[in-house]
């Protein structure tokens, strides 16, 4: 009882998130991630860059540290600095894990379920993560890249992304969880 009673408060706070400024739905697939911004009507697929694509990016002027091997993706997702971001995580096939170590975020992506996490990045920059669940033969090739930018750059990206990645009202959060039980 001496351990259980204080633990109840901690268990409650573990799943009490602050109100979100931005919501993202991350869906794991074999072997990439789709990030949906439901309020903005954007859906972005992120696939790892191969060595040739990385070399081309560096030759075009992108600093090498921004395209690390096995972590750089073709489409980074952008979030504004100092904003609370809720991430709803699911999977379309097998269990994956959405992990960004710098955000202290690690949550399972389970087919038919939606799990949640949140973060608030306080510094601009590019943060890398990857699937941290042994999910199959190309498990090591499911990186995640989150670029934290100022509000103005985020708003500008949203406008250009609406044209580039425009999605029909893709999926609702309820449909990702499967039929009601």
C-alpha atoms as a PDB file:
ATOM      1  CA  UNK A   1       0.000   0.000   0.000  1.00  0.00           C
ATOM      2  CA  UNK A   2       2.885   2.361   0.766  1.00  0.00           C
ATOM      3  CA  UNK A   3       4.082   2.048  -2.829  1.00  0.00           C
ATOM      4  CA  UNK A   4       0.698   1.638  -4.548  1.00  0.00           C
ATOM      5  CA  UNK A   5      -1.047   4.784  -3.339  1.00  0.00           C
ATOM      6  CA  UNK A   6       1.650   7.281  -4.444  1.00  0.00           C
ATOM      7  CA  UNK A   7       1.931   5.378  -7.734  1.00  0.00           C
ATOM      8  CA  UNK A   8      -1.704   6.080  -8.641  1.00  0.00           C
ATOM      9  CA  UNK A   9      -0.964   9.782  -8.953  1.00  0.00           C
ATOM     10  CA  UNK A  10       2.037   9.081 -11.207  1.00  0.00           C
ATOM     11  CA  UNK A  11       0.015   6.694 -13.371  1.00  0.00           C
ATOM     12  CA  UNK A  12      -2.656   9.372 -13.777  1.00  0.00           C
ATOM     13  CA  UNK A  13      -0.135  12.042 -14.802  1.00  0.00           C
ATOM     14  CA  UNK A  14       1.592   9.653 -17.205  1.00  0.00           C
ATOM     15  CA  UNK A  15      -1.410   9.904 -19.546  1.00  0.00           C
ATOM     16  CA  UNK A  16      -2.439  13.484 -18.834  1.00  0.00           C
ATOM     17  CA  UNK A  17      -1.145  15.586 -21.712  1.00  0.00           C
ATOM     18  CA  UNK A  18      -1.189  19.373 -21.963  1.00  0.00           C
ATOM     19  CA  UNK A  19      -3.609  20.846 -24.544  1.00  0.00           C
ATOM     20  CA  UNK A  20      -2.133  20.490 -28.061  1.00  0.00           C
ATOM     21  CA  UNK A  21      -1.108  23.301 -30.366  1.00  0.00           C
ATOM     22  CA  UNK A  22      -0.633  20.760 -33.169  1.00  0.00           C
ATOM     23  CA  UNK A  23      -1.725  17.161 -33.691  1.00  0.00           C
ATOM     24  CA  UNK A  24       0.058  14.663 -35.915  1.00  0.00           C
ATOM     25  CA  UNK A  25      -0.999  11.113 -36.704  1.00  0.00           C
ATOM     26  CA  UNK A  26       1.964   8.818 -37.413  1.00  0.00           C
ATOM     27  CA  UNK A  27       1.236   5.528 -39.175  1.00  0.00           C
ATOM     28  CA  UNK A  28       3.944   2.884 -39.474  1.00  0.00           C
ATOM     29  CA  UNK A  29       4.095   0.795 -42.635  1.00  0.00           C
ATOM     30  CA  UNK A  30       6.580  -1.744 -43.867  1.00  0.00           C
ATOM     31  CA  UNK A  31       9.094   0.173 -44.178  1.00  0.00           C
ATOM     32  CA  UNK A  32       8.217   3.836 -43.889  1.00  0.00           C
ATOM     33  CA  UNK A  33       6.095   6.333 -41.956  1.00  0.00           C
ATOM     34  CA  UNK A  34       3.121   8.441 -42.979  1.00  0.00           C
ATOM     35  CA  UNK A  35       2.547  11.602 -40.954  1.00  0.00           C
ATOM     36  CA  UNK A  36      -0.872  13.223 -41.227  1.00  0.00           C
ATOM     37  CA  UNK A  37      -1.643  16.734 -40.059  1.00  0.00           C
ATOM     38  CA  UNK A  38      -5.444  16.408 -39.780  1.00  0.00           C
ATOM     39  CA  UNK A  39      -6.140  20.066 -38.986  1.00  0.00           C
ATOM     40  CA  UNK A  40      -4.079  21.193 -41.974  1.00  0.00           C
ATOM     41  CA  UNK A  41      -5.253  18.490 -44.418  1.00  0.00           C
ATOM     42  CA  UNK A  42      -1.711  17.268 -45.110  1.00  0.00           C
ATOM     43  CA  UNK A  43      -0.374  13.724 -45.346  1.00  0.00           C
ATOM     44  CA  UNK A  44       3.384  13.211 -45.809  1.00  0.00           C
ATOM     45  CA  UNK A  45       5.144   9.907 -46.511  1.00  0.00           C
ATOM     46  CA  UNK A  46       8.718   9.725 -45.212  1.00  0.00           C
ATOM     47  CA  UNK A  47      11.042   7.196 -46.818  1.00  0.00           C
ATOM     48  CA  UNK A  48      14.719   6.790 -45.983  1.00  0.00           C
ATOM     49  CA  UNK A  49      17.164   8.279 -48.494  1.00  0.00           C
ATOM     50  CA  UNK A  50      19.519   5.810 -50.104  1.00  0.00           C
ATOM     51  CA  UNK A  51      23.246   6.596 -50.405  1.00  0.00           C
ATOM     52  CA  UNK A  52      22.902   8.017 -53.929  1.00  0.00           C
ATOM     53  CA  UNK A  53      20.123  10.384 -52.830  1.00  0.00           C
ATOM     54  CA  UNK A  54      22.152  11.457 -49.789  1.00  0.00           C
ATOM     55  CA  UNK A  55      25.202  12.194 -51.935  1.00  0.00           C
ATOM     56  CA  UNK A  56      23.063  14.217 -54.358  1.00  0.00           C
ATOM     57  CA  UNK A  57      21.656  16.241 -51.449  1.00  0.00           C
ATOM     58  CA  UNK A  58      25.151  17.019 -50.153  1.00  0.00           C
ATOM     59  CA  UNK A  59      26.337  17.988 -53.662  1.00  0.00           C
ATOM     60  CA  UNK A  60      23.350  20.354 -53.940  1.00  0.00           C
ATOM     61  CA  UNK A  61      24.512  22.216 -50.832  1.00  0.00           C
ATOM     62  CA  UNK A  62      22.731  20.473 -47.951  1.00  0.00           C
ATOM     63  CA  UNK A  63      25.164  20.107 -45.034  1.00  0.00           C
ATOM     64  CA  UNK A  64      26.182  16.474 -44.522  1.00  0.00           C
ATOM     65  CA  UNK A  65      25.029  16.529 -40.884  1.00  0.00           C
ATOM     66  CA  UNK A  66      21.459  17.187 -42.084  1.00  0.00           C
ATOM     67  CA  UNK A  67      21.401  13.973 -44.119  1.00  0.00           C
ATOM     68  CA  UNK A  68      22.958  11.298 -41.898  1.00  0.00           C
ATOM     69  CA  UNK A  69      23.179   7.785 -43.292  1.00  0.00           C
ATOM     70  CA  UNK A  70      20.185   5.595 -42.337  1.00  0.00           C
ATOM     71  CA  UNK A  71      18.377   8.561 -40.722  1.00  0.00           C
ATOM     72  CA  UNK A  72      17.727  11.077 -43.518  1.00  0.00           C
ATOM     73  CA  UNK A  73      14.321  10.964 -45.193  1.00  0.00           C
ATOM     74  CA  UNK A  74      12.901  12.335 -48.421  1.00  0.00           C
ATOM     75  CA  UNK A  75      10.175  14.316 -46.605  1.00  0.00           C
ATOM     76  CA  UNK A  76      10.892  15.672 -43.146  1.00  0.00           C
ATOM     77  CA  UNK A  77       7.928  16.719 -41.079  1.00  0.00           C
ATOM     78  CA  UNK A  78       7.935  20.248 -39.699  1.00  0.00           C
ATOM     79  CA  UNK A  79       6.653  21.420 -36.342  1.00  0.00           C
ATOM     80  CA  UNK A  80       6.768  24.864 -34.745  1.00  0.00           C
ATOM     81  CA  UNK A  81       9.187  25.554 -31.897  1.00  0.00           C
ATOM     82  CA  UNK A  82       7.801  25.889 -28.358  1.00  0.00           C
ATOM     83  CA  UNK A  83       4.440  24.342 -29.246  1.00  0.00           C
ATOM     84  CA  UNK A  84       2.857  21.269 -27.681  1.00  0.00           C
ATOM     85  CA  UNK A  85       2.633  18.564 -30.331  1.00  0.00           C
ATOM     86  CA  UNK A  86       0.427  15.522 -29.763  1.00  0.00           C
ATOM     87  CA  UNK A  87       1.388  12.480 -31.805  1.00  0.00           C
ATOM     88  CA  UNK A  88      -1.220   9.771 -32.329  1.00  0.00           C
ATOM     89  CA  UNK A  89       0.561   6.607 -33.387  1.00  0.00           C
ATOM     90  CA  UNK A  90      -0.760   3.520 -35.164  1.00  0.00           C
ATOM     91  CA  UNK A  91       0.331   0.906 -37.694  1.00  0.00           C
ATOM     92  CA  UNK A  92      -1.091  -0.502 -40.884  1.00  0.00           C
ATOM     93  CA  UNK A  93       0.553  -3.909 -40.631  1.00  0.00           C
ATOM     94  CA  UNK A  94       2.842  -5.043 -37.775  1.00  0.00           C
ATOM     95  CA  UNK A  95       3.962  -3.499 -34.498  1.00  0.00           C
ATOM     96  CA  UNK A  96       6.379  -0.606 -35.025  1.00  0.00           C
ATOM     97  CA  UNK A  97       7.670   1.998 -32.566  1.00  0.00           C
ATOM     98  CA  UNK A  98       7.773   5.788 -33.114  1.00  0.00           C
ATOM     99  CA  UNK A  99      10.877   7.014 -31.305  1.00  0.00           C
ATOM    100  CA  UNK A 100      12.628  10.391 -31.172  1.00  0.00           C
ATOM    101  CA  UNK A 101      15.206  10.131 -28.361  1.00  0.00           C
ATOM    102  CA  UNK A 102      15.827  13.899 -28.174  1.00  0.00           C
ATOM    103  CA  UNK A 103      12.140  14.437 -27.352  1.00  0.00           C
ATOM    104  CA  UNK A 104      12.047  11.615 -24.797  1.00  0.00           C
ATOM    105  CA  UNK A 105       9.363  10.048 -26.970  1.00  0.00           C
ATOM    106  CA  UNK A 106       8.970   6.322 -27.573  1.00  0.00           C
ATOM    107  CA  UNK A 107       5.571   4.774 -28.242  1.00  0.00           C
ATOM    108  CA  UNK A 108       4.393   1.563 -29.892  1.00  0.00           C
ATOM    109  CA  UNK A 109       2.508   1.668 -33.179  1.00  0.00           C
ATOM    110  CA  UNK A 110       0.050  -1.207 -32.948  1.00  0.00           C
ATOM    111  CA  UNK A 111      -2.312  -2.250 -35.757  1.00  0.00           C
ATOM    112  CA  UNK A 112      -5.922  -1.501 -34.846  1.00  0.00           C
ATOM    113  CA  UNK A 113      -4.959   0.751 -31.920  1.00  0.00           C
ATOM    114  CA  UNK A 114      -4.023   4.360 -31.454  1.00  0.00           C
ATOM    115  CA  UNK A 115      -1.427   5.182 -28.844  1.00  0.00           C
ATOM    116  CA  UNK A 116      -0.363   8.699 -27.999  1.00  0.00           C
ATOM    117  CA  UNK A 117       2.606  10.743 -26.932  1.00  0.00           C
ATOM    118  CA  UNK A 118       3.490  14.412 -26.904  1.00  0.00           C
ATOM    119  CA  UNK A 119       6.501  16.670 -27.013  1.00  0.00           C
ATOM    120  CA  UNK A 120       7.426  20.337 -26.969  1.00  0.00           C
ATOM    121  CA  UNK A 121      10.677  21.089 -28.755  1.00  0.00           C
ATOM    122  CA  UNK A 122      12.345  24.178 -27.310  1.00  0.00           C
ATOM    123  CA  UNK A 123      15.112  24.504 -29.920  1.00  0.00           C
ATOM    124  CA  UNK A 124      14.994  24.760 -33.669  1.00  0.00           C
ATOM    125  CA  UNK A 125      16.827  22.062 -35.599  1.00  0.00           C
ATOM    126  CA  UNK A 126      16.437  18.620 -37.120  1.00  0.00           C
ATOM    127  CA  UNK A 127      15.753  15.736 -34.780  1.00  0.00           C
ATOM    128  CA  UNK A 128      16.131  12.146 -35.886  1.00  0.00           C
ATOM    129  CA  UNK A 129      14.607   8.930 -34.659  1.00  0.00           C
ATOM    130  CA  UNK A 130      13.565   5.593 -36.030  1.00  0.00           C
ATOM    131  CA  UNK A 131      11.427   2.557 -35.487  1.00  0.00           C
ATOM    132  CA  UNK A 132      12.586   0.930 -32.267  1.00  0.00           C
ATOM    133  CA  UNK A 133      10.638  -2.293 -32.588  1.00  0.00           C
ATOM    134  CA  UNK A 134      12.081  -5.302 -34.338  1.00  0.00           C
ATOM    135  CA  UNK A 135       9.354  -5.287 -36.978  1.00  0.00           C
ATOM    136  CA  UNK A 136      10.887  -7.230 -39.847  1.00  0.00           C
ATOM    137  CA  UNK A 137      13.725  -7.397 -42.320  1.00  0.00           C
ATOM    138  CA  UNK A 138      13.915  -3.658 -43.071  1.00  0.00           C
ATOM    139  CA  UNK A 139      13.276  -2.522 -39.504  1.00  0.00           C
ATOM    140  CA  UNK A 140      16.515  -0.524 -39.486  1.00  0.00           C
ATOM    141  CA  UNK A 141      15.348   1.495 -42.497  1.00  0.00           C
ATOM    142  CA  UNK A 142      12.369   3.322 -40.955  1.00  0.00           C
ATOM    143  CA  UNK A 143      13.817   6.659 -39.853  1.00  0.00           C
ATOM    144  CA  UNK A 144      11.860   9.664 -38.645  1.00  0.00           C
ATOM    145  CA  UNK A 145      13.038  13.231 -39.187  1.00  0.00           C
ATOM    146  CA  UNK A 146      11.334  16.143 -37.450  1.00  0.00           C
ATOM    147  CA  UNK A 147      12.429  19.657 -38.319  1.00  0.00           C
ATOM    148  CA  UNK A 148      11.594  22.211 -35.627  1.00  0.00           C
ATOM    149  CA  UNK A 149      11.167  25.704 -37.101  1.00  0.00           C
ATOM    150  CA  UNK A 150       9.765  29.114 -36.149  1.00  0.00           C
ATOM    151  CA  UNK A 151       6.036  29.827 -36.530  1.00  0.00           C
ATOM    152  CA  UNK A 152       6.457  31.775 -39.753  1.00  0.00           C
ATOM    153  CA  UNK A 153       8.448  29.025 -41.473  1.00  0.00           C
ATOM    154  CA  UNK A 154       5.925  26.428 -40.270  1.00  0.00           C
ATOM    155  CA  UNK A 155       3.002  28.434 -41.677  1.00  0.00           C
ATOM    156  CA  UNK A 156       4.852  28.818 -44.967  1.00  0.00           C
ATOM    157  CA  UNK A 157       5.583  25.070 -45.082  1.00  0.00           C
ATOM    158  CA  UNK A 158       1.921  24.264 -44.382  1.00  0.00           C
ATOM    159  CA  UNK A 159       0.823  26.383 -47.348  1.00  0.00           C
ATOM    160  CA  UNK A 160       3.329  24.779 -49.720  1.00  0.00           C
ATOM    161  CA  UNK A 161       2.679  21.295 -48.309  1.00  0.00           C
ATOM    162  CA  UNK A 162      -1.059  21.675 -48.915  1.00  0.00           C
ATOM    163  CA  UNK A 163      -0.265  21.941 -52.601  1.00  0.00           C
ATOM    164  CA  UNK A 164       2.504  19.334 -52.664  1.00  0.00           C
ATOM    165  CA  UNK A 165       1.018  16.695 -50.335  1.00  0.00           C
ATOM    166  CA  UNK A 166      -2.678  17.591 -50.393  1.00  0.00           C
ATOM    167  CA  UNK A 167      -4.750  14.725 -49.120  1.00  0.00           C
ATOM    168  CA  UNK A 168      -8.411  14.087 -49.303  1.00  0.00           C
ATOM    169  CA  UNK A 169      -9.840  13.793 -45.833  1.00  0.00           C
ATOM    170  CA  UNK A 170      -7.524  10.817 -45.530  1.00  0.00           C
ATOM    171  CA  UNK A 171      -8.424   8.741 -42.565  1.00  0.00           C
ATOM    172  CA  UNK A 172     -10.092   9.683 -39.386  1.00  0.00           C
ATOM    173  CA  UNK A 173      -8.525   8.717 -36.119  1.00  0.00           C
ATOM    174  CA  UNK A 174     -11.432   6.393 -35.418  1.00  0.00           C
ATOM    175  CA  UNK A 175     -11.013   4.461 -38.662  1.00  0.00           C
ATOM    176  CA  UNK A 176      -7.359   3.767 -37.888  1.00  0.00           C
ATOM    177  CA  UNK A 177      -8.405   2.042 -34.698  1.00  0.00           C
ATOM    178  CA  UNK A 178     -10.629  -0.381 -36.584  1.00  0.00           C
ATOM    179  CA  UNK A 179     -14.253  -1.218 -35.888  1.00  0.00           C
ATOM    180  CA  UNK A 180     -15.802  -0.189 -32.589  1.00  0.00           C
ATOM    181  CA  UNK A 181     -15.749  -2.942 -30.042  1.00  0.00           C
END
